[in-house]
Amino acid sequence: MSQRRYNPKPWPAMFTLGLLSLVLPALGISQAWTNEKSKAPLFIYSFSSCISFLSYGYDKYRATNRRWRLRENLLHLIDLLGGWPGGFAAQYYFRHKTRKPSFQLTFWFTVAIHQYFIFSRLFPAPSQHFERLDS
C-alpha cells in the first residue's frame, strides 16, 4: 500500500505578502470607480491577470511535457502590464516559477513598481494636493 506524502503549498510568507500586495490595487480600483467613474483600471488588471494566469499555466504544462516554453521576459512583460495579480495566483496554484531567485526578484520588483504608482495616485504629495485644490 503506497502512502501519499503531505506536500504543503510553498512559501507561506510569500503568499501572505502577495495577498497584502493586493490591498493597494483594490483601493486604487475602488477610488477610480467611485470618484472618477472609470472602469479602465478594473478592466486592465482583470484582463491582464487572466492572460498572465493562463500564460503561467501554459508554460507549466509545456514544462511538464518537456516542450518549448514561453520566455520568462514575456511572463514578466504581462505582469508589468498589470497582470501581476494573475501571475502571483498562477505561481501559487501551479507551483510554477517559485524557486528561481532571478525570476522571483524581477516579479516582486514588478509588484513594487505597481505598488509605488498606485500609492502615489492614492496619496499624492502635499504640493500636488494643493495644486488640485487651486484648480
N, C-alpha and C. Protein backbone atom coordinates (compact mmCIF):
# COMPACT_ATOMS: atom_id res chain seq x y z
N MET A 1 0.84 -1.17 0.00
CA MET A 1 0.00 0.00 0.00
C MET A 1 0.89 1.24 0.00
N SER A 2 0.71 2.09 -0.96
CA SER A 2 1.54 3.29 -1.02
C SER A 2 0.91 4.41 -0.20
N GLN A 3 1.78 5.13 0.44
CA GLN A 3 1.31 6.26 1.23
C GLN A 3 1.63 7.55 0.50
N ARG A 4 0.70 8.47 0.58
CA ARG A 4 0.95 9.78 0.00
C ARG A 4 1.69 10.63 1.01
N ARG A 5 2.65 11.35 0.50
CA ARG A 5 3.35 12.30 1.37
C ARG A 5 2.61 13.62 1.34
N TYR A 6 2.51 14.23 2.49
CA TYR A 6 1.90 15.55 2.55
C TYR A 6 2.85 16.55 1.95
N ASN A 7 2.40 17.27 0.98
CA ASN A 7 3.23 18.25 0.30
C ASN A 7 2.53 19.60 0.38
N PRO A 8 2.85 20.41 1.39
CA PRO A 8 2.13 21.68 1.56
C PRO A 8 2.46 22.65 0.44
N LYS A 9 1.57 23.63 0.27
CA LYS A 9 1.82 24.68 -0.71
C LYS A 9 3.09 25.42 -0.31
N PRO A 10 3.85 25.89 -1.30
CA PRO A 10 5.13 26.52 -0.99
C PRO A 10 4.99 27.93 -0.41
N TRP A 11 6.04 28.36 0.21
CA TRP A 11 6.27 29.72 0.67
C TRP A 11 5.08 30.46 1.26
N PRO A 12 4.64 30.08 2.47
CA PRO A 12 3.50 30.77 3.08
C PRO A 12 3.77 32.25 3.33
N ALA A 13 5.02 32.64 3.62
CA ALA A 13 5.32 34.06 3.83
C ALA A 13 5.11 34.84 2.53
N MET A 14 5.53 34.28 1.41
CA MET A 14 5.35 34.97 0.13
C MET A 14 3.88 35.02 -0.25
N PHE A 15 3.13 34.00 0.10
CA PHE A 15 1.70 34.01 -0.17
C PHE A 15 1.03 35.13 0.61
N THR A 16 1.41 35.30 1.86
CA THR A 16 0.87 36.38 2.68
C THR A 16 1.25 37.73 2.10
N LEU A 17 2.50 37.88 1.70
CA LEU A 17 2.95 39.13 1.08
C LEU A 17 2.15 39.42 -0.19
N GLY A 18 1.92 38.39 -0.99
CA GLY A 18 1.14 38.56 -2.21
C GLY A 18 -0.28 39.01 -1.93
N LEU A 19 -0.90 38.41 -0.92
CA LEU A 19 -2.26 38.82 -0.56
C LEU A 19 -2.28 40.26 -0.07
N LEU A 20 -1.30 40.64 0.74
CA LEU A 20 -1.24 42.02 1.22
C LEU A 20 -0.99 43.01 0.09
N SER A 21 -0.25 42.58 -0.92
CA SER A 21 0.05 43.48 -2.04
C SER A 21 -1.17 43.73 -2.92
N LEU A 22 -2.24 42.99 -2.69
CA LEU A 22 -3.48 43.22 -3.44
C LEU A 22 -4.33 44.35 -2.85
N VAL A 23 -3.98 44.80 -1.64
CA VAL A 23 -4.79 45.82 -0.97
C VAL A 23 -4.75 47.15 -1.73
N LEU A 24 -3.56 47.64 -2.07
CA LEU A 24 -3.47 48.93 -2.77
C LEU A 24 -4.17 48.91 -4.13
N PRO A 25 -3.97 47.88 -4.96
CA PRO A 25 -4.72 47.87 -6.22
C PRO A 25 -6.23 47.88 -6.00
N ALA A 26 -6.69 47.15 -5.00
CA ALA A 26 -8.13 47.14 -4.72
C ALA A 26 -8.61 48.54 -4.33
N LEU A 27 -7.83 49.23 -3.51
CA LEU A 27 -8.19 50.61 -3.13
C LEU A 27 -8.15 51.54 -4.34
N GLY A 28 -7.12 51.38 -5.18
CA GLY A 28 -7.00 52.22 -6.37
C GLY A 28 -8.14 52.00 -7.34
N ILE A 29 -8.51 50.75 -7.56
CA ILE A 29 -9.62 50.44 -8.45
C ILE A 29 -10.92 50.99 -7.87
N SER A 30 -11.09 50.84 -6.58
CA SER A 30 -12.29 51.35 -5.92
C SER A 30 -12.38 52.87 -6.05
N GLN A 31 -11.26 53.56 -5.84
CA GLN A 31 -11.26 55.02 -5.96
C GLN A 31 -11.56 55.45 -7.39
N ALA A 32 -10.94 54.79 -8.35
CA ALA A 32 -11.19 55.14 -9.75
C ALA A 32 -12.65 54.90 -10.11
N TRP A 33 -13.21 53.85 -9.59
CA TRP A 33 -14.61 53.51 -9.89
C TRP A 33 -15.56 54.53 -9.29
N THR A 34 -15.33 54.91 -8.03
CA THR A 34 -16.28 55.81 -7.35
C THR A 34 -16.04 57.27 -7.65
N ASN A 35 -14.79 57.73 -7.63
CA ASN A 35 -14.52 59.16 -7.82
C ASN A 35 -14.46 59.57 -9.28
N GLU A 36 -13.87 58.76 -10.09
CA GLU A 36 -13.66 59.13 -11.49
C GLU A 36 -14.62 58.42 -12.43
N LYS A 37 -15.41 57.52 -11.90
CA LYS A 37 -16.34 56.72 -12.71
C LYS A 37 -15.63 55.98 -13.84
N SER A 38 -14.38 55.59 -13.58
CA SER A 38 -13.58 54.90 -14.59
C SER A 38 -13.53 53.41 -14.31
N LYS A 39 -13.85 52.65 -15.31
CA LYS A 39 -13.77 51.19 -15.19
C LYS A 39 -12.48 50.65 -15.80
N ALA A 40 -11.66 51.54 -16.36
CA ALA A 40 -10.43 51.12 -17.04
C ALA A 40 -9.48 50.35 -16.12
N PRO A 41 -9.17 50.84 -14.90
CA PRO A 41 -8.24 50.07 -14.06
C PRO A 41 -8.74 48.66 -13.75
N LEU A 42 -10.03 48.53 -13.49
CA LEU A 42 -10.59 47.20 -13.22
C LEU A 42 -10.45 46.31 -14.45
N PHE A 43 -10.75 46.85 -15.62
CA PHE A 43 -10.63 46.08 -16.86
C PHE A 43 -9.18 45.68 -17.12
N ILE A 44 -8.26 46.64 -16.97
CA ILE A 44 -6.85 46.37 -17.27
C ILE A 44 -6.29 45.30 -16.34
N TYR A 45 -6.51 45.46 -15.04
CA TYR A 45 -5.99 44.48 -14.09
C TYR A 45 -6.65 43.11 -14.30
N SER A 46 -7.95 43.09 -14.52
CA SER A 46 -8.65 41.81 -14.69
C SER A 46 -8.19 41.09 -15.96
N PHE A 47 -8.17 41.82 -17.07
CA PHE A 47 -7.79 41.22 -18.35
C PHE A 47 -6.33 40.75 -18.31
N SER A 48 -5.44 41.63 -17.85
CA SER A 48 -4.02 41.27 -17.79
C SER A 48 -3.77 40.10 -16.84
N SER A 49 -4.50 40.08 -15.73
CA SER A 49 -4.33 38.98 -14.77
C SER A 49 -4.79 37.65 -15.35
N CYS A 50 -5.89 37.68 -16.09
CA CYS A 50 -6.35 36.44 -16.74
C CYS A 50 -5.33 35.94 -17.76
N ILE A 51 -4.81 36.86 -18.57
CA ILE A 51 -3.80 36.49 -19.56
C ILE A 51 -2.56 35.94 -18.85
N SER A 52 -2.15 36.59 -17.78
CA SER A 52 -0.97 36.14 -17.03
C SER A 52 -1.19 34.76 -16.43
N PHE A 53 -2.33 34.54 -15.79
CA PHE A 53 -2.63 33.25 -15.18
C PHE A 53 -2.60 32.14 -16.23
N LEU A 54 -3.24 32.39 -17.36
CA LEU A 54 -3.26 31.39 -18.43
C LEU A 54 -1.87 31.15 -19.00
N SER A 55 -1.07 32.21 -19.11
CA SER A 55 0.29 32.07 -19.64
C SER A 55 1.17 31.23 -18.72
N TYR A 56 1.07 31.48 -17.42
CA TYR A 56 1.83 30.66 -16.47
C TYR A 56 1.37 29.21 -16.53
N GLY A 57 0.07 29.00 -16.62
CA GLY A 57 -0.45 27.64 -16.72
C GLY A 57 0.03 26.93 -17.97
N TYR A 58 0.03 27.65 -19.08
CA TYR A 58 0.50 27.08 -20.34
C TYR A 58 1.99 26.76 -20.25
N ASP A 59 2.75 27.66 -19.65
CA ASP A 59 4.19 27.43 -19.50
C ASP A 59 4.45 26.22 -18.60
N LYS A 60 3.68 26.08 -17.55
CA LYS A 60 3.83 24.92 -16.66
C LYS A 60 3.49 23.63 -17.40
N TYR A 61 2.43 23.67 -18.19
CA TYR A 61 2.05 22.50 -18.99
C TYR A 61 3.18 22.12 -19.93
N ARG A 62 3.74 23.12 -20.61
CA ARG A 62 4.83 22.86 -21.54
C ARG A 62 6.06 22.32 -20.80
N ALA A 63 6.31 22.84 -19.61
CA ALA A 63 7.48 22.40 -18.83
C ALA A 63 7.34 20.94 -18.40
N THR A 64 6.15 20.56 -17.96
CA THR A 64 5.96 19.18 -17.50
C THR A 64 6.00 18.18 -18.65
N ASN A 65 5.75 18.65 -19.87
CA ASN A 65 5.81 17.78 -21.04
C ASN A 65 7.11 17.94 -21.82
N ARG A 66 8.07 18.63 -21.21
CA ARG A 66 9.40 18.82 -21.81
C ARG A 66 9.32 19.37 -23.24
N ARG A 67 8.58 20.45 -23.38
CA ARG A 67 8.44 21.10 -24.68
C ARG A 67 8.96 22.52 -24.58
N TRP A 68 9.05 23.19 -25.74
CA TRP A 68 9.47 24.58 -25.77
C TRP A 68 8.51 25.40 -24.91
N ARG A 69 9.08 26.32 -24.18
CA ARG A 69 8.29 27.09 -23.22
C ARG A 69 8.25 28.56 -23.58
N LEU A 70 7.39 29.27 -22.87
CA LEU A 70 7.32 30.72 -23.04
C LEU A 70 8.57 31.35 -22.45
N ARG A 71 8.98 32.45 -23.04
CA ARG A 71 10.14 33.15 -22.50
C ARG A 71 9.76 33.83 -21.19
N GLU A 72 10.68 33.83 -20.27
CA GLU A 72 10.42 34.50 -18.99
C GLU A 72 10.14 35.98 -19.18
N ASN A 73 10.81 36.58 -20.16
CA ASN A 73 10.57 38.01 -20.41
C ASN A 73 9.12 38.28 -20.80
N LEU A 74 8.50 37.35 -21.49
CA LEU A 74 7.09 37.52 -21.85
C LEU A 74 6.22 37.47 -20.60
N LEU A 75 6.49 36.53 -19.71
CA LEU A 75 5.73 36.46 -18.46
C LEU A 75 5.92 37.74 -17.65
N HIS A 76 7.15 38.24 -17.60
CA HIS A 76 7.40 39.49 -16.87
C HIS A 76 6.70 40.68 -17.53
N LEU A 77 6.68 40.71 -18.84
CA LEU A 77 6.01 41.81 -19.54
C LEU A 77 4.51 41.81 -19.24
N ILE A 78 3.90 40.66 -19.28
CA ILE A 78 2.47 40.56 -18.97
C ILE A 78 2.22 41.02 -17.54
N ASP A 79 3.09 40.61 -16.62
CA ASP A 79 2.96 41.04 -15.23
C ASP A 79 3.14 42.55 -15.10
N LEU A 80 4.09 43.09 -15.83
CA LEU A 80 4.35 44.53 -15.78
C LEU A 80 3.17 45.33 -16.33
N LEU A 81 2.47 44.78 -17.30
CA LEU A 81 1.32 45.47 -17.90
C LEU A 81 0.06 45.36 -17.04
N GLY A 82 0.20 44.87 -15.83
CA GLY A 82 -0.93 44.81 -14.91
C GLY A 82 -1.36 43.41 -14.55
N GLY A 83 -0.70 42.41 -15.09
CA GLY A 83 -1.11 41.04 -14.84
C GLY A 83 -0.47 40.38 -13.65
N TRP A 84 0.26 41.15 -12.84
CA TRP A 84 0.96 40.52 -11.72
C TRP A 84 0.03 39.82 -10.72
N PRO A 85 -1.21 40.30 -10.47
CA PRO A 85 -2.06 39.52 -9.56
C PRO A 85 -2.35 38.11 -10.10
N GLY A 86 -2.59 38.02 -11.41
CA GLY A 86 -2.80 36.71 -12.02
C GLY A 86 -1.53 35.88 -12.03
N GLY A 87 -0.39 36.53 -12.23
CA GLY A 87 0.89 35.82 -12.16
C GLY A 87 1.16 35.28 -10.78
N PHE A 88 0.84 36.09 -9.78
CA PHE A 88 1.01 35.64 -8.39
C PHE A 88 0.12 34.44 -8.11
N ALA A 89 -1.15 34.53 -8.49
CA ALA A 89 -2.08 33.42 -8.26
C ALA A 89 -1.62 32.17 -8.99
N ALA A 90 -1.13 32.33 -10.22
CA ALA A 90 -0.68 31.19 -11.01
C ALA A 90 0.56 30.54 -10.39
N GLN A 91 1.49 31.36 -9.90
CA GLN A 91 2.67 30.79 -9.26
C GLN A 91 2.27 29.91 -8.08
N TYR A 92 1.32 30.36 -7.33
CA TYR A 92 0.89 29.59 -6.17
C TYR A 92 0.07 28.37 -6.60
N TYR A 93 -0.85 28.57 -7.52
CA TYR A 93 -1.75 27.49 -7.94
C TYR A 93 -0.99 26.38 -8.67
N PHE A 94 -0.15 26.77 -9.62
CA PHE A 94 0.58 25.78 -10.43
C PHE A 94 1.92 25.38 -9.82
N ARG A 95 2.34 26.05 -8.76
CA ARG A 95 3.67 25.87 -8.18
C ARG A 95 4.73 26.02 -9.26
N HIS A 96 4.64 27.13 -9.94
CA HIS A 96 5.49 27.37 -11.10
C HIS A 96 6.27 28.66 -10.92
N LYS A 97 7.55 28.59 -11.19
CA LYS A 97 8.47 29.73 -11.12
C LYS A 97 8.66 30.23 -9.69
N THR A 98 8.45 29.38 -8.72
CA THR A 98 8.55 29.81 -7.33
C THR A 98 9.95 29.63 -6.75
N ARG A 99 10.78 28.86 -7.40
CA ARG A 99 12.10 28.56 -6.83
C ARG A 99 13.26 29.24 -7.55
N LYS A 100 12.98 29.93 -8.60
CA LYS A 100 14.06 30.57 -9.35
C LYS A 100 14.26 31.99 -8.83
N PRO A 101 15.36 32.24 -8.12
CA PRO A 101 15.54 33.55 -7.48
C PRO A 101 15.51 34.73 -8.45
N SER A 102 16.13 34.59 -9.62
CA SER A 102 16.14 35.72 -10.56
C SER A 102 14.74 36.04 -11.05
N PHE A 103 13.93 35.02 -11.27
CA PHE A 103 12.55 35.25 -11.70
C PHE A 103 11.76 35.92 -10.59
N GLN A 104 11.90 35.41 -9.37
CA GLN A 104 11.18 35.97 -8.23
C GLN A 104 11.59 37.41 -7.97
N LEU A 105 12.86 37.71 -8.10
CA LEU A 105 13.33 39.08 -7.89
C LEU A 105 12.69 40.04 -8.88
N THR A 106 12.68 39.66 -10.14
CA THR A 106 12.06 40.50 -11.17
C THR A 106 10.56 40.61 -10.95
N PHE A 107 9.92 39.50 -10.60
CA PHE A 107 8.48 39.53 -10.36
C PHE A 107 8.12 40.49 -9.23
N TRP A 108 8.81 40.37 -8.09
CA TRP A 108 8.49 41.22 -6.95
C TRP A 108 8.90 42.66 -7.19
N PHE A 109 9.88 42.90 -8.03
CA PHE A 109 10.22 44.27 -8.43
C PHE A 109 9.06 44.86 -9.23
N THR A 110 8.47 44.07 -10.10
CA THR A 110 7.29 44.49 -10.86
C THR A 110 6.14 44.83 -9.92
N VAL A 111 5.92 44.00 -8.93
CA VAL A 111 4.87 44.26 -7.94
C VAL A 111 5.16 45.57 -7.21
N ALA A 112 6.42 45.79 -6.83
CA ALA A 112 6.80 47.02 -6.13
C ALA A 112 6.56 48.25 -6.99
N ILE A 113 6.84 48.15 -8.28
CA ILE A 113 6.58 49.28 -9.19
C ILE A 113 5.10 49.62 -9.19
N HIS A 114 4.26 48.62 -9.29
CA HIS A 114 2.81 48.85 -9.28
C HIS A 114 2.37 49.44 -7.94
N GLN A 115 2.92 48.92 -6.85
CA GLN A 115 2.56 49.44 -5.52
C GLN A 115 2.93 50.92 -5.41
N TYR A 116 4.10 51.28 -5.91
CA TYR A 116 4.55 52.67 -5.85
C TYR A 116 3.60 53.59 -6.61
N PHE A 117 3.28 53.22 -7.83
CA PHE A 117 2.43 54.09 -8.64
C PHE A 117 1.01 54.18 -8.09
N ILE A 118 0.50 53.09 -7.60
CA ILE A 118 -0.85 53.13 -7.02
C ILE A 118 -0.84 53.95 -5.74
N PHE A 119 0.18 53.78 -4.92
CA PHE A 119 0.29 54.56 -3.68
C PHE A 119 0.39 56.04 -3.99
N SER A 120 1.22 56.40 -4.98
CA SER A 120 1.37 57.82 -5.33
C SER A 120 0.08 58.40 -5.91
N ARG A 121 -0.72 57.57 -6.53
CA ARG A 121 -2.02 58.02 -7.06
C ARG A 121 -3.04 58.19 -5.93
N LEU A 122 -3.02 57.27 -4.98
CA LEU A 122 -3.97 57.35 -3.86
C LEU A 122 -3.61 58.44 -2.86
N PHE A 123 -2.31 58.62 -2.64
CA PHE A 123 -1.84 59.57 -1.63
C PHE A 123 -0.84 60.52 -2.26
N PRO A 124 -1.31 61.52 -3.01
CA PRO A 124 -0.38 62.44 -3.68
C PRO A 124 0.42 63.25 -2.66
N ALA A 125 1.58 63.71 -3.10
CA ALA A 125 2.42 64.54 -2.24
C ALA A 125 1.65 65.81 -1.88
N PRO A 126 1.94 66.41 -0.72
CA PRO A 126 1.19 67.60 -0.30
C PRO A 126 1.18 68.72 -1.34
N SER A 127 2.28 68.95 -2.04
CA SER A 127 2.30 70.02 -3.05
C SER A 127 1.32 69.71 -4.18
N GLN A 128 1.22 68.46 -4.58
CA GLN A 128 0.26 68.09 -5.62
C GLN A 128 -1.16 68.24 -5.12
N HIS A 129 -1.37 67.96 -3.85
CA HIS A 129 -2.71 68.08 -3.27
C HIS A 129 -3.18 69.53 -3.32
N PHE A 130 -2.29 70.47 -2.99
CA PHE A 130 -2.67 71.87 -3.01
C PHE A 130 -2.90 72.37 -4.42
N GLU A 131 -2.14 71.85 -5.38
CA GLU A 131 -2.36 72.22 -6.78
C GLU A 131 -3.74 71.79 -7.23
N ARG A 132 -4.19 70.63 -6.79
CA ARG A 132 -5.52 70.15 -7.15
C ARG A 132 -6.60 71.03 -6.55
N LEU A 133 -6.36 71.55 -5.33
CA LEU A 133 -7.35 72.41 -4.69
C LEU A 133 -7.46 73.75 -5.39
N ASP A 134 -6.34 74.25 -5.94
CA ASP A 134 -6.36 75.54 -6.61
C ASP A 134 -7.10 75.50 -7.93
N SER A 135 -7.12 74.38 -8.59
CA SER A 135 -7.75 74.32 -9.91
C SER A 135 -9.22 74.02 -9.86
